[in-house]
Amino acid sequence: MPSSECFGLEGVGDRTRGTQAEDAVPFFDRDEANDDFVWPDFETRTLLRRRCASYNSCLWLSALLFLLGIIIAQNVYLIISSAKSNEPTTELEYLKPHIRTERTRFAGALRATPDGSSLYVPEPALDTQGRRFTGPPSPEIDEAWHNLLYGRYVRLTDAEVNWLNSDPSLPSLQSLAPIPNSTFIPLEGFYGGPDMLHSLHCLNGLRKHLHPQYYHPPDYSHRDPVLVQLHMEHCIEQLRQAVFCQGDMTPVTLKPVWDEKGEVWGWLGETERVHGCRNGRELGELWRERGEMEGRVGAD
């Protein structure tokens, strides 16, 4: 091996330079050497020296490249970390420490009947508290939606107001004053809430729009058909943007639906897969708890 040749080469080379060189090698004397040992000639020694020089150069170069790689990796990491830390936040600081991810299997998937003649939902889509949010209108379903949405607009802190007013594309926030003989606005101040709850409000509005005879339409539209249509179109656009903003890449697969004749008449999306989700229900509860302490708007 080159390393073995290099470690003994200095003593071997010095042997050719006379007695003074021999004295520099205390552990290997010519007189004590094995008679069969043959000292390398000049060309061999020169070749060995070149090999050692090349080997040592490779070692230094490898070490240098390794250290350079570490330095580059550290700098890239610091640059990325710095860029992320300097990105302006778009979410409420009050809730950010409580955000966590969880695995959730979606429910409410469509199924085909055994004969393939129709579709059905095998189980109601219940949340972790057993509440149902779809189906024929009922007080139970309305209460479930109310519990999701009430208190979504909470009185903001001065720091939150200053942060929101730093958006150069929007006008400054406007303070809300209490309404006489009403608890709708409990305290004067600036009010806001997470977009998640606004999207749920829009979804509930679309649900109610499916049952106009039951809801007559919702009071927030002042029963004006033009405003009802305008509100529904706003909600559709709000949910479209929210879905793209979330960007859930969990796959939905297709399965064919056969009729009793064995012919395919449709394809169903299999949506009942496990998704990586935020703990939205808990975040909503935390926001409502803050509203109870600091003041909240009294309507859904």
Protein backbone atom coordinates (compact mmCIF):
# COMPACT_ATOMS: atom_id res chain seq x y z
CA MET A 1 0.00 0.00 0.00
CA PRO A 2 1.21 3.58 -0.61
CA SER A 3 0.91 4.45 3.07
CA SER A 4 3.27 1.63 4.12
CA GLU A 5 5.83 2.70 1.54
CA CYS A 6 5.61 6.33 2.62
CA PHE A 7 6.05 5.71 6.34
CA GLY A 8 9.47 4.00 5.85
CA LEU A 9 10.70 5.96 2.87
CA GLU A 10 12.47 8.77 4.70
CA GLY A 11 14.79 6.35 6.50
CA VAL A 12 15.42 4.41 3.30
CA GLY A 13 16.36 7.53 1.39
CA ASP A 14 18.69 8.75 4.12
CA ARG A 15 20.65 5.46 4.01
CA THR A 16 22.08 6.45 0.64
CA ARG A 17 23.58 9.66 2.00
CA GLY A 18 26.25 8.05 4.20
CA THR A 19 27.04 7.50 7.83
CA GLN A 20 25.50 10.75 9.03
CA ALA A 21 22.20 9.74 7.50
CA GLU A 22 22.49 6.28 8.97
CA ASP A 23 22.80 7.74 12.47
CA ALA A 24 19.43 9.45 11.92
CA VAL A 25 17.71 6.04 11.82
CA PRO A 26 18.22 4.65 15.35
CA PHE A 27 15.86 1.67 15.07
CA PHE A 28 17.20 0.17 11.87
CA ASP A 29 20.93 -0.23 11.48
CA ARG A 30 22.59 -1.64 8.37
CA ASP A 31 24.62 -4.04 10.53
CA GLU A 32 21.49 -5.27 12.27
CA ALA A 33 19.49 -5.62 9.10
CA ASN A 34 18.48 -8.93 7.65
CA ASP A 35 21.08 -10.13 5.17
CA ASP A 36 18.32 -10.84 2.64
CA PHE A 37 17.07 -7.26 2.69
CA VAL A 38 17.74 -5.45 -0.57
CA TRP A 39 17.85 -1.67 -0.46
CA PRO A 40 15.93 0.00 -3.28
CA ASP A 41 17.91 1.67 -6.01
CA PHE A 42 17.68 5.35 -6.82
CA GLU A 43 14.89 5.02 -9.43
CA THR A 44 12.76 2.94 -7.10
CA ARG A 45 13.21 5.43 -4.31
CA THR A 46 12.28 8.26 -6.63
CA LEU A 47 9.13 6.41 -7.73
CA LEU A 48 8.18 5.76 -4.13
CA ARG A 49 8.65 9.41 -3.26
CA ARG A 50 6.40 10.44 -6.15
CA ARG A 51 3.76 7.96 -5.06
CA CYS A 52 3.90 9.32 -1.53
CA ALA A 53 3.64 12.90 -2.75
CA SER A 54 0.63 11.97 -4.89
CA TYR A 55 -0.99 10.03 -2.06
CA ASN A 56 -0.48 12.86 0.43
CA SER A 57 -1.83 15.38 -2.08
CA CYS A 58 -4.97 13.26 -2.49
CA LEU A 59 -5.44 13.14 1.27
CA TRP A 60 -5.12 16.92 1.59
CA LEU A 61 -7.42 17.52 -1.37
CA SER A 62 -10.07 15.13 0.01
CA ALA A 63 -9.94 16.78 3.42
CA LEU A 64 -10.16 20.24 1.85
CA LEU A 65 -13.15 19.30 -0.30
CA PHE A 66 -14.89 17.71 2.70
CA LEU A 67 -14.45 20.84 4.80
CA LEU A 68 -15.52 23.03 1.89
CA GLY A 69 -18.68 20.95 1.51
CA ILE A 70 -19.52 21.41 5.18
CA ILE A 71 -19.00 25.17 4.92
CA ILE A 72 -21.22 25.42 1.83
CA ALA A 73 -23.97 23.31 3.45
CA GLN A 74 -23.92 25.47 6.57
CA ASN A 75 -24.14 28.66 4.55
CA VAL A 76 -27.04 27.36 2.46
CA TYR A 77 -28.88 26.33 5.63
CA LEU A 78 -28.30 29.73 7.23
CA ILE A 79 -29.47 31.55 4.10
CA ILE A 80 -32.66 29.48 3.87
CA SER A 81 -33.35 29.81 7.59
CA SER A 82 -32.80 33.55 7.44
CA ALA A 83 -35.10 33.90 4.43
CA LYS A 84 -37.85 31.95 6.17
CA SER A 85 -37.51 33.93 9.38
CA ASN A 86 -37.70 37.20 7.41
CA GLU A 87 -40.86 36.21 5.54
CA PRO A 88 -43.81 38.33 6.67
CA THR A 89 -46.26 36.18 8.56
CA THR A 90 -49.85 36.01 7.31
CA GLU A 91 -51.34 34.18 10.28
CA LEU A 92 -52.48 35.29 13.72
CA GLU A 93 -49.57 35.06 16.16
CA TYR A 94 -52.03 34.23 18.95
CA LEU A 95 -52.86 30.87 17.37
CA LYS A 96 -49.55 29.94 15.75
CA PRO A 97 -48.01 28.33 18.88
CA HIS A 98 -51.02 26.01 19.08
CA ILE A 99 -50.93 24.77 15.49
CA ARG A 100 -50.15 21.08 15.12
CA THR A 101 -50.73 18.47 12.46
CA GLU A 102 -52.77 15.29 12.75
CA ARG A 103 -53.82 12.39 10.57
CA THR A 104 -57.53 12.37 9.73
CA ARG A 105 -59.46 9.90 7.59
CA PHE A 106 -62.17 11.67 5.63
CA ALA A 107 -65.73 10.37 5.92
CA GLY A 108 -68.86 10.88 3.84
CA ALA A 109 -67.59 9.17 0.67
CA LEU A 110 -70.05 8.15 -2.02
CA ARG A 111 -70.70 4.44 -2.57
CA ALA A 112 -72.51 2.52 -5.27
CA THR A 113 -75.35 0.17 -4.35
CA PRO A 114 -74.65 -3.56 -4.82
CA ASP A 115 -76.59 -3.64 -8.09
CA GLY A 116 -74.90 -0.44 -9.29
CA SER A 117 -78.19 1.30 -9.89
CA SER A 118 -77.70 4.15 -7.42
CA LEU A 119 -75.35 5.88 -5.02
CA TYR A 120 -75.44 6.38 -1.26
CA VAL A 121 -73.32 7.53 1.70
CA PRO A 122 -72.75 4.57 4.05
CA GLU A 123 -72.34 6.68 7.17
CA PRO A 124 -73.05 10.29 8.13
CA ALA A 125 -69.99 12.52 8.18
CA LEU A 126 -69.65 13.11 11.92
CA ASP A 127 -66.91 15.08 13.61
CA THR A 128 -65.00 13.89 16.68
CA GLN A 129 -67.85 15.11 18.89
CA GLY A 130 -70.46 13.13 16.97
CA ARG A 131 -72.02 16.18 15.33
CA ARG A 132 -73.59 15.96 11.89
CA PHE A 133 -73.38 18.87 9.45
CA THR A 134 -75.27 17.57 6.40
CA GLY A 135 -78.70 16.14 5.72
CA PRO A 136 -82.25 17.48 5.85
CA PRO A 137 -82.40 20.73 7.85
CA SER A 138 -82.93 20.21 11.56
CA PRO A 139 -82.29 22.05 14.84
CA GLU A 140 -79.49 19.58 15.61
CA ILE A 141 -77.64 20.36 12.39
CA ASP A 142 -78.14 24.10 12.85
CA GLU A 143 -76.76 23.86 16.39
CA ALA A 144 -73.72 21.94 15.13
CA TRP A 145 -72.95 24.70 12.65
CA HIS A 146 -73.59 27.40 15.25
CA ASN A 147 -71.07 25.78 17.60
CA LEU A 148 -68.48 25.87 14.81
CA LEU A 149 -69.04 29.50 13.89
CA TYR A 150 -70.09 31.57 16.89
CA GLY A 151 -67.56 34.07 18.17
CA ARG A 152 -65.47 34.07 15.02
CA TYR A 153 -64.87 37.84 15.21
CA VAL A 154 -62.83 38.72 18.32
CA ARG A 155 -61.57 42.07 19.58
CA LEU A 156 -58.01 42.52 18.31
CA THR A 157 -55.01 43.68 20.32
CA ASP A 158 -53.10 46.86 19.50
CA ALA A 159 -50.21 44.77 18.17
CA GLU A 160 -52.54 42.86 15.85
CA VAL A 161 -54.11 46.10 14.61
CA ASN A 162 -50.70 47.61 13.84
CA TRP A 163 -49.64 44.42 12.06
CA LEU A 164 -52.79 44.36 9.90
CA ASN A 165 -52.51 48.07 9.13
CA SER A 166 -49.01 47.48 7.75
CA ASP A 167 -50.54 45.97 4.59
CA PRO A 168 -50.00 48.74 2.00
CA SER A 169 -52.68 47.34 -0.32
CA LEU A 170 -55.56 47.80 2.13
CA PRO A 171 -56.95 50.80 4.02
CA SER A 172 -56.49 50.96 7.77
CA LEU A 173 -58.92 49.05 9.96
CA GLN A 174 -62.02 50.84 11.20
CA SER A 175 -63.12 50.69 14.80
CA LEU A 176 -66.55 49.28 15.63
CA ALA A 177 -68.71 51.02 18.24
CA PRO A 178 -71.31 49.32 20.44
CA ILE A 179 -74.88 49.47 19.17
CA PRO A 180 -77.40 51.01 21.61
CA ASN A 181 -79.65 48.45 23.31
CA SER A 182 -77.69 45.60 21.72
CA THR A 183 -74.89 43.25 22.72
CA PHE A 184 -73.87 42.64 19.11
CA ILE A 185 -70.71 44.75 19.58
CA PRO A 186 -69.78 44.40 23.27
CA LEU A 187 -66.85 46.86 23.32
CA GLU A 188 -65.51 49.53 21.01
CA GLY A 189 -62.51 48.30 19.09
CA PHE A 190 -61.23 46.48 16.03
CA TYR A 191 -62.54 42.97 15.35
CA GLY A 192 -61.32 40.08 13.23
CA GLY A 193 -60.88 36.33 13.08
CA PRO A 194 -59.13 33.48 11.26
CA ASP A 195 -60.04 32.89 7.63
CA MET A 196 -60.82 29.25 8.43
CA LEU A 197 -63.96 30.35 10.28
CA HIS A 198 -64.96 32.69 7.46
CA SER A 199 -64.70 29.82 4.97
CA LEU A 200 -66.88 27.68 7.24
CA HIS A 201 -69.40 30.53 7.36
CA CYS A 202 -69.46 30.54 3.55
CA LEU A 203 -69.89 26.78 3.44
CA ASN A 204 -72.82 27.00 5.84
CA GLY A 205 -74.37 29.72 3.68
CA LEU A 206 -74.20 27.44 0.63
CA ARG A 207 -75.74 24.63 2.68
CA LYS A 208 -78.65 26.86 3.63
CA HIS A 209 -79.02 27.92 0.01
CA LEU A 210 -79.90 24.29 -0.80
CA HIS A 211 -82.99 24.59 1.42
CA PRO A 212 -84.54 28.03 0.73
CA GLN A 213 -87.97 26.93 1.93
CA TYR A 214 -86.58 26.07 5.36
CA TYR A 215 -84.33 29.09 5.85
CA HIS A 216 -86.48 31.72 4.01
CA PRO A 217 -83.50 32.83 2.85
CA PRO A 218 -80.89 33.68 5.55
CA ASP A 219 -81.46 36.90 7.49
CA TYR A 220 -78.00 38.25 6.66
CA SER A 221 -79.15 38.84 3.06
CA HIS A 222 -82.10 41.03 4.14
CA ARG A 223 -84.21 38.75 1.92
CA ASP A 224 -82.98 40.54 -1.20
CA PRO A 225 -82.54 37.95 -4.01
CA VAL A 226 -79.77 40.02 -5.59
CA LEU A 227 -77.82 40.07 -2.34
CA VAL A 228 -78.43 36.35 -1.84
CA GLN A 229 -76.93 35.60 -5.25
CA LEU A 230 -74.05 38.02 -4.63
CA HIS A 231 -73.25 36.42 -1.28
CA MET A 232 -73.32 32.89 -2.69
CA GLU A 233 -71.00 33.81 -5.55
CA HIS A 234 -68.63 35.45 -3.07
CA CYS A 235 -68.64 32.27 -0.98
CA ILE A 236 -67.92 30.07 -3.99
CA GLU A 237 -64.94 32.24 -4.88
CA GLN A 238 -63.78 32.31 -1.24
CA LEU A 239 -63.83 28.50 -1.02
CA ARG A 240 -62.12 28.12 -4.40
CA GLN A 241 -59.20 30.23 -3.21
CA ALA A 242 -59.12 28.54 0.19
CA VAL A 243 -58.87 25.09 -1.40
CA PHE A 244 -55.97 26.16 -3.61
CA CYS A 245 -54.31 27.90 -0.67
CA GLN A 246 -54.45 24.70 1.38
CA GLY A 247 -53.08 22.67 -1.53
CA ASP A 248 -53.92 19.21 -0.13
CA MET A 249 -52.03 16.69 -2.27
CA THR A 250 -53.62 13.56 -0.75
CA PRO A 251 -54.62 11.40 -3.74
CA VAL A 252 -58.20 10.67 -4.73
CA THR A 253 -58.51 7.49 -6.79
CA LEU A 254 -61.24 6.45 -9.21
CA LYS A 255 -63.26 3.27 -9.19
CA PRO A 256 -65.73 2.18 -11.88
CA VAL A 257 -69.42 1.66 -11.17
CA TRP A 258 -71.10 -1.25 -12.99
CA ASP A 259 -74.82 -1.62 -13.51
CA GLU A 260 -76.73 -4.90 -13.34
CA LYS A 261 -75.83 -5.57 -16.98
CA GLY A 262 -72.13 -5.41 -16.20
CA GLU A 263 -71.65 -2.13 -18.01
CA VAL A 264 -69.73 0.80 -16.55
CA TRP A 265 -71.96 3.85 -16.23
CA GLY A 266 -69.79 6.03 -14.01
CA TRP A 267 -66.68 6.46 -11.90
CA LEU A 268 -66.51 7.36 -8.22
CA GLY A 269 -63.76 9.30 -6.53
CA GLU A 270 -62.50 7.42 -3.47
CA THR A 271 -62.14 10.28 -0.98
CA GLU A 272 -62.00 8.32 2.28
CA ARG A 273 -58.22 8.39 2.61
CA VAL A 274 -56.07 9.61 5.49
CA HIS A 275 -55.11 13.28 5.19
CA GLY A 276 -52.47 15.35 6.94
CA CYS A 277 -54.48 18.12 8.60
CA ARG A 278 -54.14 20.98 11.01
CA ASN A 279 -56.05 20.80 14.28
CA GLY A 280 -58.68 23.24 13.04
CA ARG A 281 -61.36 22.31 15.58
CA GLU A 282 -59.03 22.97 18.53
CA LEU A 283 -57.82 26.24 17.01
CA GLY A 284 -61.42 27.41 16.61
CA GLU A 285 -62.14 26.60 20.25
CA LEU A 286 -59.07 28.53 21.41
CA TRP A 287 -60.17 31.55 19.39
CA ARG A 288 -63.66 31.46 20.89
CA GLU A 289 -62.19 31.19 24.39
CA ARG A 290 -60.21 34.35 23.73
CA GLY A 291 -63.40 36.06 22.58
CA GLU A 292 -65.11 35.21 25.85
CA MET A 293 -62.31 37.02 27.71
CA GLU A 294 -61.63 39.99 25.42
CA GLY A 295 -64.94 40.51 23.63
CA ARG A 296 -66.46 39.13 20.45
CA VAL A 297 -69.16 39.97 17.91
CA GLY A 298 -72.41 38.34 18.99
CA ALA A 299 -73.62 36.94 15.63
CA ASP A 300 -72.58 33.99 13.51
